Amino acid sequence: MLKPRKTLATVPSYHPPLAGRHGMRLDFNENTVGCSPRVLERLRSISPEELAKYPEREPVEVKVAEFLGVPQGEVLLTNGVDEAIHLMCETYLAPEDEAVVVVPTYSMYRIYVMAAGAKLVSVPLEKDFAFCSKNIIAALTEKTRFVAIANPNNPTGTVASAQDLYAIAQAAPNAAVLIDEAYFEFYGRSVLADRRLQNVFVARTFSKVYGMAGLRLGVLVGATEQMQAVRRSASPYNVNAIALACLPEAIADRAYVQAYVSEVKQSRSRLESNLAAVGIQYWQSEANFVLARVEGNAAAAAVFCNAMRQRGILVRDRSADYGCEGCVRITLGPKEHCDRLLAVLQEVFDELGIAEGVSGR
């Protein structure tokens, strides 16, 4: 009888709660208003002939490399950052290897590590989800071949310093160290321009600030000789023609991105200030979302999310993540979305008796 690899039997399935997403989308850290008008215009101009041809990734990689300020040989466009993570695991992990991941964090690191058959070593963040490089370095062994760090981290929004990240990479010279900068634009700090070590990789996404989650586009950057190995694991047609046609327009419209980031940062500050005013625990975020503990148990968090949904606002229950019991993650958007969010939060807090209510300031 045909059976899959034994390692897959223990791999958890990732089932994002995408069904019935009707309302204001503050649950998946997407751009809440959509992509640049220039992207929409390019979509409208795509011809039947363009769709009939196999997609050419390399010409667009030249433009992305120029945009990022790195050599073309260091750039690989991927089917979202998820594929970048998958390719890293396929390239560098064998069943006898170990991979180090901090928790809580993005669940696909764990899934792809386990699918490769490697041993997963989870290192908890410190109190208040603070990052500690010493704890990660202590978890490294001669078998460590992959380290994944989201910076800013998801779902906490907390960050690690460049100094800490390089200390880890130096301590693990035989491991591929992936710095996942999916939320870079909201943080503004990166290790991309100063990758001193051959084992440091950086991933970026065009799903968040660029508003193209539906097109599935990411980019992986690493030393040229390492990227040559990663490309051997990648399909030559991993990114579709529509996504490739739209990406140059997306990265060219810097004014659109800058304006959206500015509004999100203002909304983030407003939400954090209002949560603080009513005594709701939250973690200061450098991303486009805020993690808050609305109650001390998972059941209460689920009730809270349902109450928000009934009022037309979707937020994400993160109680299942390590150390996040009773926590919800709330994505931020422009001012008008934040106005509505704060008004509904007040209603829900009043209804559930969680706090005295938040003001709409």
Protein backbone atom coordinates (compact mmCIF):
# COMPACT_ATOMS: atom_id res chain seq x y z
CA MET A 1 0.00 0.00 0.00
CA LEU A 2 1.30 3.41 -0.97
CA LYS A 3 2.15 5.59 2.03
CA PRO A 4 3.64 9.08 2.36
CA ARG A 5 6.96 9.68 4.11
CA LYS A 6 6.79 8.91 7.83
CA THR A 7 7.87 12.43 8.74
CA LEU A 8 4.70 13.87 7.21
CA ALA A 9 2.53 11.95 9.66
CA THR A 10 3.51 14.34 12.46
CA VAL A 11 3.47 17.57 10.46
CA PRO A 12 0.65 19.87 11.64
CA SER A 13 -1.71 21.21 9.00
CA TYR A 14 -2.08 24.93 8.59
CA HIS A 15 -5.72 25.87 8.12
CA PRO A 16 -6.02 29.67 8.13
CA PRO A 17 -9.58 30.76 9.01
CA LEU A 18 -10.27 32.25 5.60
CA ALA A 19 -13.88 31.13 5.15
CA GLY A 20 -16.57 33.76 5.54
CA ARG A 21 -14.24 36.75 5.74
CA HIS A 22 -16.95 39.35 5.35
CA GLY A 23 -16.23 42.71 6.92
CA MET A 24 -13.22 44.91 7.61
CA ARG A 25 -10.13 42.70 7.29
CA LEU A 26 -8.05 43.29 10.42
CA ASP A 27 -7.18 39.61 10.90
CA PHE A 28 -4.43 38.65 8.40
CA ASN A 29 -2.12 41.69 8.39
CA GLU A 30 -3.07 42.48 4.80
CA ASN A 31 -3.18 45.95 3.30
CA THR A 32 -6.74 46.93 4.27
CA VAL A 33 -7.40 49.14 1.24
CA GLY A 34 -5.69 47.29 -1.60
CA CYS A 35 -2.85 47.64 -4.08
CA SER A 36 -1.54 50.68 -5.91
CA PRO A 37 -3.73 52.07 -8.74
CA ARG A 38 -0.73 51.49 -11.01
CA VAL A 39 -1.00 47.75 -10.31
CA LEU A 40 -4.70 47.77 -11.18
CA GLU A 41 -3.97 49.59 -14.43
CA ARG A 42 -1.36 46.99 -15.37
CA LEU A 43 -3.79 44.19 -14.57
CA ARG A 44 -6.31 45.68 -16.96
CA SER A 45 -3.72 45.82 -19.74
CA ILE A 46 -2.61 42.16 -19.61
CA SER A 47 -3.11 40.56 -23.02
CA PRO A 48 -4.13 37.01 -23.95
CA GLU A 49 -0.66 36.51 -25.44
CA GLU A 50 0.99 37.34 -22.10
CA LEU A 51 -1.11 34.69 -20.40
CA ALA A 52 -0.32 32.12 -23.10
CA LYS A 53 3.44 32.32 -22.50
CA TYR A 54 5.46 30.76 -19.72
CA PRO A 55 6.44 33.46 -17.23
CA GLU A 56 9.94 34.97 -17.33
CA ARG A 57 11.12 35.58 -13.79
CA GLU A 58 14.65 36.84 -14.47
CA PRO A 59 13.85 40.22 -16.11
CA VAL A 60 11.71 41.19 -13.13
CA GLU A 61 14.39 39.96 -10.73
CA VAL A 62 16.76 42.49 -12.34
CA LYS A 63 14.32 45.28 -11.44
CA VAL A 64 13.78 43.96 -7.92
CA ALA A 65 17.53 43.66 -7.35
CA GLU A 66 17.96 47.29 -8.42
CA PHE A 67 15.10 48.31 -6.13
CA LEU A 68 16.68 46.49 -3.17
CA GLY A 69 20.21 47.65 -4.00
CA VAL A 70 21.72 44.18 -4.34
CA PRO A 71 23.29 42.20 -7.22
CA GLN A 72 20.85 40.28 -9.41
CA GLY A 73 22.50 36.96 -8.56
CA GLU A 74 21.46 37.38 -4.95
CA VAL A 75 17.73 37.66 -5.73
CA LEU A 76 15.11 34.94 -6.18
CA LEU A 77 11.44 35.78 -6.59
CA THR A 78 9.19 33.28 -4.85
CA ASN A 79 5.55 32.30 -4.56
CA GLY A 80 5.15 34.33 -1.39
CA VAL A 81 7.56 34.13 1.54
CA ASP A 82 6.07 30.71 2.27
CA GLU A 83 7.88 29.29 -0.74
CA ALA A 84 11.10 31.03 0.30
CA ILE A 85 10.92 29.26 3.69
CA HIS A 86 10.14 25.97 1.97
CA LEU A 87 13.10 26.33 -0.39
CA MET A 88 15.44 27.10 2.49
CA CYS A 89 14.38 23.94 4.28
CA GLU A 90 14.63 21.87 1.11
CA THR A 91 18.09 23.22 0.38
CA TYR A 92 19.72 23.03 3.79
CA LEU A 93 17.88 20.48 5.96
CA ALA A 94 18.26 16.71 6.07
CA PRO A 95 16.55 14.33 8.53
CA GLU A 96 19.58 14.25 10.84
CA ASP A 97 19.73 18.08 11.08
CA GLU A 98 18.27 20.54 13.56
CA ALA A 99 16.46 23.84 13.03
CA VAL A 100 16.07 26.57 15.64
CA VAL A 101 12.94 28.72 15.75
CA VAL A 102 11.82 31.22 18.39
CA VAL A 103 8.25 30.97 19.70
CA PRO A 104 5.70 32.34 19.33
CA THR A 105 6.24 33.08 15.65
CA TYR A 106 4.98 32.33 12.16
CA SER A 107 3.83 28.71 12.08
CA MET A 108 5.12 27.85 8.59
CA TYR A 109 8.70 27.70 9.86
CA ARG A 110 7.78 24.75 12.03
CA ILE A 111 5.70 23.08 9.33
CA TYR A 112 8.41 23.17 6.65
CA VAL A 113 11.13 22.11 9.09
CA MET A 114 9.07 19.11 10.16
CA ALA A 115 8.17 18.26 6.56
CA ALA A 116 11.89 18.07 5.78
CA GLY A 117 12.21 15.52 8.58
CA ALA A 118 14.58 17.68 10.63
CA LYS A 119 14.41 18.14 14.40
CA LEU A 120 12.66 21.33 15.48
CA VAL A 121 14.22 23.19 18.42
CA SER A 122 11.85 25.84 19.81
CA VAL A 123 13.33 28.69 21.86
CA PRO A 124 10.77 30.78 23.81
CA LEU A 125 11.00 34.53 23.70
CA GLU A 126 11.63 36.10 27.08
CA LYS A 127 9.15 37.89 29.33
CA ASP A 128 7.03 40.35 27.38
CA PHE A 129 8.17 38.55 24.22
CA ALA A 130 11.58 40.19 24.31
CA PHE A 131 14.21 38.76 21.98
CA CYS A 132 17.37 37.30 23.54
CA SER A 133 20.18 36.18 21.27
CA LYS A 134 21.93 34.39 24.13
CA ASN A 135 19.04 31.93 24.44
CA ILE A 136 19.16 31.12 20.74
CA ILE A 137 22.93 30.76 20.73
CA ALA A 138 22.66 28.40 23.70
CA ALA A 139 20.28 26.21 21.65
CA LEU A 140 22.70 25.87 18.73
CA THR A 141 24.53 22.57 18.26
CA GLU A 142 26.82 21.08 15.62
CA LYS A 143 23.64 19.72 14.01
CA THR A 144 21.99 23.13 13.60
CA ARG A 145 21.56 23.83 9.89
CA PHE A 146 18.70 26.35 9.83
CA VAL A 147 17.62 29.26 12.02
CA ALA A 148 14.45 31.25 11.26
CA ILE A 149 13.75 34.66 12.80
CA ALA A 150 10.88 36.95 11.87
CA ASN A 151 11.88 40.58 12.40
CA PRO A 152 9.49 42.19 13.28
CA ASN A 153 8.06 39.04 14.75
CA ASN A 154 4.56 37.75 14.07
CA PRO A 155 2.31 37.69 16.13
CA THR A 156 4.09 39.85 18.72
CA GLY A 157 5.34 42.80 16.64
CA THR A 158 8.55 42.80 18.68
CA VAL A 159 12.01 43.10 17.12
CA ALA A 160 15.60 41.94 17.43
CA SER A 161 18.57 44.24 16.92
CA ALA A 162 20.94 43.79 13.98
CA GLN A 163 23.68 43.16 16.53
CA ASP A 164 21.74 40.23 18.01
CA LEU A 165 20.97 38.79 14.58
CA TYR A 166 24.61 38.86 13.52
CA ALA A 167 25.71 37.35 16.81
CA ILE A 168 23.48 34.37 16.06
CA ALA A 169 24.73 34.06 12.48
CA GLN A 170 28.34 34.17 13.66
CA ALA A 171 27.63 31.50 16.26
CA ALA A 172 26.09 29.22 13.61
CA PRO A 173 28.46 29.36 10.61
CA ASN A 174 27.17 26.04 9.25
CA ALA A 175 23.52 27.07 9.44
CA ALA A 176 21.41 29.10 7.04
CA VAL A 177 20.02 32.02 9.06
CA LEU A 178 16.80 33.40 7.58
CA ILE A 179 15.72 36.89 8.63
CA ASP A 180 12.08 37.18 7.58
CA GLU A 181 11.40 40.90 7.07
CA ALA A 182 7.77 40.60 5.96
CA TYR A 183 6.89 43.73 7.96
CA PHE A 184 10.04 45.69 7.17
CA GLU A 185 8.26 48.73 5.75
CA PHE A 186 6.51 49.42 9.06
CA TYR A 187 9.76 49.02 11.03
CA GLY A 188 12.24 50.69 8.69
CA ARG A 189 15.32 48.75 9.78
CA SER A 190 16.88 45.87 7.87
CA VAL A 191 20.00 43.74 7.67
CA LEU A 192 19.70 43.62 3.88
CA ALA A 193 22.29 46.30 3.16
CA ASP A 194 24.81 44.90 5.63
CA ARG A 195 24.85 41.14 5.16
CA ARG A 196 28.43 40.56 6.29
CA LEU A 197 28.09 36.79 6.53
CA GLN A 198 27.54 34.22 3.79
CA ASN A 199 24.96 32.33 5.86
CA VAL A 200 22.51 35.25 6.27
CA PHE A 201 19.39 35.33 4.07
CA VAL A 202 16.66 37.97 3.99
CA ALA A 203 13.05 37.43 2.90
CA ARG A 204 10.58 40.15 1.98
CA THR A 205 6.95 39.98 0.88
CA PHE A 206 4.71 41.97 -1.44
CA SER A 207 1.59 40.68 0.33
CA LYS A 208 1.50 43.19 3.19
CA VAL A 209 2.15 46.87 2.51
CA TYR A 210 1.95 46.39 -1.28
CA GLY A 211 -1.55 44.91 -1.06
CA MET A 212 -0.91 41.95 -3.38
CA ALA A 213 -1.46 38.95 -1.10
CA GLY A 214 -3.67 37.38 -3.76
CA LEU A 215 -0.84 37.40 -6.31
CA ARG A 216 1.54 35.48 -3.98
CA LEU A 217 4.87 37.26 -4.36
CA GLY A 218 7.94 37.20 -2.16
CA VAL A 219 11.67 37.62 -2.58
CA LEU A 220 14.60 35.79 -1.04
CA VAL A 221 18.04 37.44 -0.94
CA GLY A 222 21.29 35.70 -0.11
CA ALA A 223 24.92 35.35 -1.11
CA THR A 224 25.23 34.51 -4.82
CA GLU A 225 26.84 31.11 -4.36
CA GLN A 226 24.19 30.13 -1.79
CA MET A 227 21.35 31.32 -3.99
CA GLN A 228 22.65 29.14 -6.81
CA ALA A 229 21.98 26.15 -4.56
CA VAL A 230 18.53 27.43 -3.54
CA ARG A 231 17.55 27.85 -7.20
CA ARG A 232 18.15 24.16 -7.78
CA SER A 233 15.24 23.48 -5.43
CA ALA A 234 12.95 26.01 -7.12
CA SER A 235 10.65 25.56 -10.09
CA PRO A 236 11.62 27.72 -13.09
CA TYR A 237 7.98 28.89 -13.28
CA ASN A 238 7.23 29.33 -9.58
CA VAL A 239 5.90 32.88 -9.98
CA ASN A 240 2.97 33.41 -12.35
CA ALA A 241 2.93 35.84 -15.27
CA ILE A 242 0.29 38.15 -13.77
CA ALA A 243 2.29 38.64 -10.59
CA LEU A 244 5.46 39.29 -12.59
CA ALA A 245 3.68 41.83 -14.77
CA CYS A 246 2.37 43.76 -11.76
CA LEU A 247 5.42 43.75 -9.52
CA PRO A 248 7.43 46.47 -11.35
CA GLU A 249 4.46 48.83 -11.05
CA ALA A 250 4.07 48.05 -7.36
CA ILE A 251 7.67 48.82 -6.43
CA ALA A 252 7.74 51.91 -8.65
CA ASP A 253 4.84 53.55 -6.79
CA ARG A 254 6.82 54.53 -3.70
CA ALA A 255 4.52 57.42 -2.87
CA TYR A 256 1.59 55.01 -2.46
CA VAL A 257 3.56 52.76 -0.12
CA GLN A 258 4.94 55.63 1.94
CA ALA A 259 1.51 57.18 2.39
CA TYR A 260 -0.01 53.87 3.50
CA VAL A 261 2.82 53.16 5.95
CA SER A 262 2.45 56.62 7.46
CA GLU A 263 -1.28 56.13 8.05
CA VAL A 264 -0.79 52.67 9.54
CA LYS A 265 1.81 53.95 11.98
CA GLN A 266 -0.56 56.67 13.15
CA SER A 267 -3.34 54.11 13.59
CA ARG A 268 -0.98 51.82 15.49
CA SER A 269 -0.12 54.60 17.93
CA ARG A 270 -3.80 55.43 18.43
CA LEU A 271 -4.71 51.83 19.18
CA GLU A 272 -1.81 51.33 21.58
CA SER A 273 -2.65 54.56 23.41
CA ASN A 274 -6.27 53.58 23.80
CA LEU A 275 -5.45 50.08 25.01
CA ALA A 276 -3.05 51.53 27.57
CA ALA A 277 -5.68 54.00 28.76
CA VAL A 278 -8.09 51.24 29.75
CA GLY A 279 -5.51 48.82 31.14
CA ILE A 280 -5.51 46.24 28.34
CA GLN A 281 -2.13 44.50 28.09
CA TYR A 282 -0.48 44.85 24.70
CA TRP A 283 3.01 44.61 23.23
CA GLN A 284 4.55 47.60 21.52
CA SER A 285 4.64 46.74 17.85
CA GLU A 286 6.89 47.63 14.94
CA ALA A 287 4.58 45.98 12.42
CA ASN A 288 1.12 46.75 11.00
CA PHE A 289 -0.64 44.98 13.85
CA VAL A 290 -0.86 44.95 17.64
CA LEU A 291 -1.08 41.88 19.88
CA ALA A 292 -3.28 42.43 22.95
CA ARG A 293 -4.42 40.20 25.80
CA VAL A 294 -8.13 40.90 26.09
CA GLU A 295 -8.67 38.22 28.75
CA GLY A 296 -6.67 35.54 30.51
CA ASN A 297 -8.03 32.51 28.69
CA ALA A 298 -8.63 31.22 25.19
CA ALA A 299 -12.41 30.97 25.56
CA ALA A 300 -12.70 34.69 26.33
CA ALA A 301 -10.54 35.57 23.33
CA ALA A 302 -12.80 33.53 21.07
CA VAL A 303 -15.88 35.32 22.45
CA PHE A 304 -14.19 38.66 21.85
CA CYS A 305 -13.33 37.81 18.23
CA ASN A 306 -16.88 36.63 17.59
CA ALA A 307 -18.32 39.83 19.06
CA MET A 308 -16.09 41.87 16.76
CA ARG A 309 -17.09 39.73 13.76
CA GLN A 310 -20.77 40.30 14.49
CA ARG A 311 -20.07 44.01 14.19
CA GLY A 312 -18.29 43.59 10.87
CA ILE A 313 -14.66 43.64 12.00
CA LEU A 314 -12.38 40.60 11.70
CA VAL A 315 -9.53 40.17 14.19
CA ARG A 316 -7.34 37.12 14.80
CA ASP A 317 -7.45 34.89 17.88
CA ARG A 318 -3.84 33.96 18.73
CA SER A 319 -4.54 32.00 21.92
CA ALA A 320 -3.11 28.82 20.42
CA ASP A 321 0.35 30.38 20.07
CA TYR A 322 2.99 29.85 22.76
CA GLY A 323 2.48 32.34 25.60
CA CYS A 324 -0.48 34.02 23.88
CA GLU A 325 -3.45 32.62 25.79
CA GLY A 326 -6.26 35.17 25.74
CA CYS A 327 -4.55 37.25 23.06
CA VAL A 328 -5.88 38.68 19.84
CA ARG A 329 -3.97 40.27 16.97
CA ILE A 330 -5.43 43.38 15.38
CA THR A 331 -4.25 44.65 11.99
CA LEU A 332 -4.13 48.40 11.41
CA GLY A 333 -5.15 50.36 8.36
CA PRO A 334 -5.76 54.01 7.47
CA LYS A 335 -7.49 56.58 9.69
CA GLU A 336 -11.07 55.76 8.70
CA HIS A 337 -10.53 52.10 9.49
CA CYS A 338 -8.97 52.96 12.82
CA ASP A 339 -11.88 55.26 13.67
CA ARG A 340 -14.32 52.43 13.13
CA LEU A 341 -12.11 49.94 14.97
CA LEU A 342 -11.91 52.09 18.10
CA ALA A 343 -15.66 52.70 18.11
CA VAL A 344 -16.43 48.99 17.84
CA LEU A 345 -13.80 48.11 20.46
CA GLN A 346 -15.60 50.37 22.89
CA GLU A 347 -18.89 48.60 22.21
CA VAL A 348 -17.37 45.14 22.63
CA PHE A 349 -15.42 46.01 25.77
CA ASP A 350 -18.60 47.43 27.29
CA GLU A 351 -20.67 44.42 26.29
CA LEU A 352 -18.19 41.85 27.60
CA GLY A 353 -17.10 43.82 30.65
CA ILE A 354 -13.46 43.56 29.63
CA ALA A 355 -12.62 47.21 30.24
CA GLU A 356 -14.37 50.49 30.81
CA GLY A 357 -14.24 51.19 27.11
CA VAL A 358 -11.85 52.92 24.78
CA SER A 359 -12.18 56.45 23.56
CA GLY A 360 -12.16 57.30 19.88
CA ARG A 361 -9.29 59.72 20.14
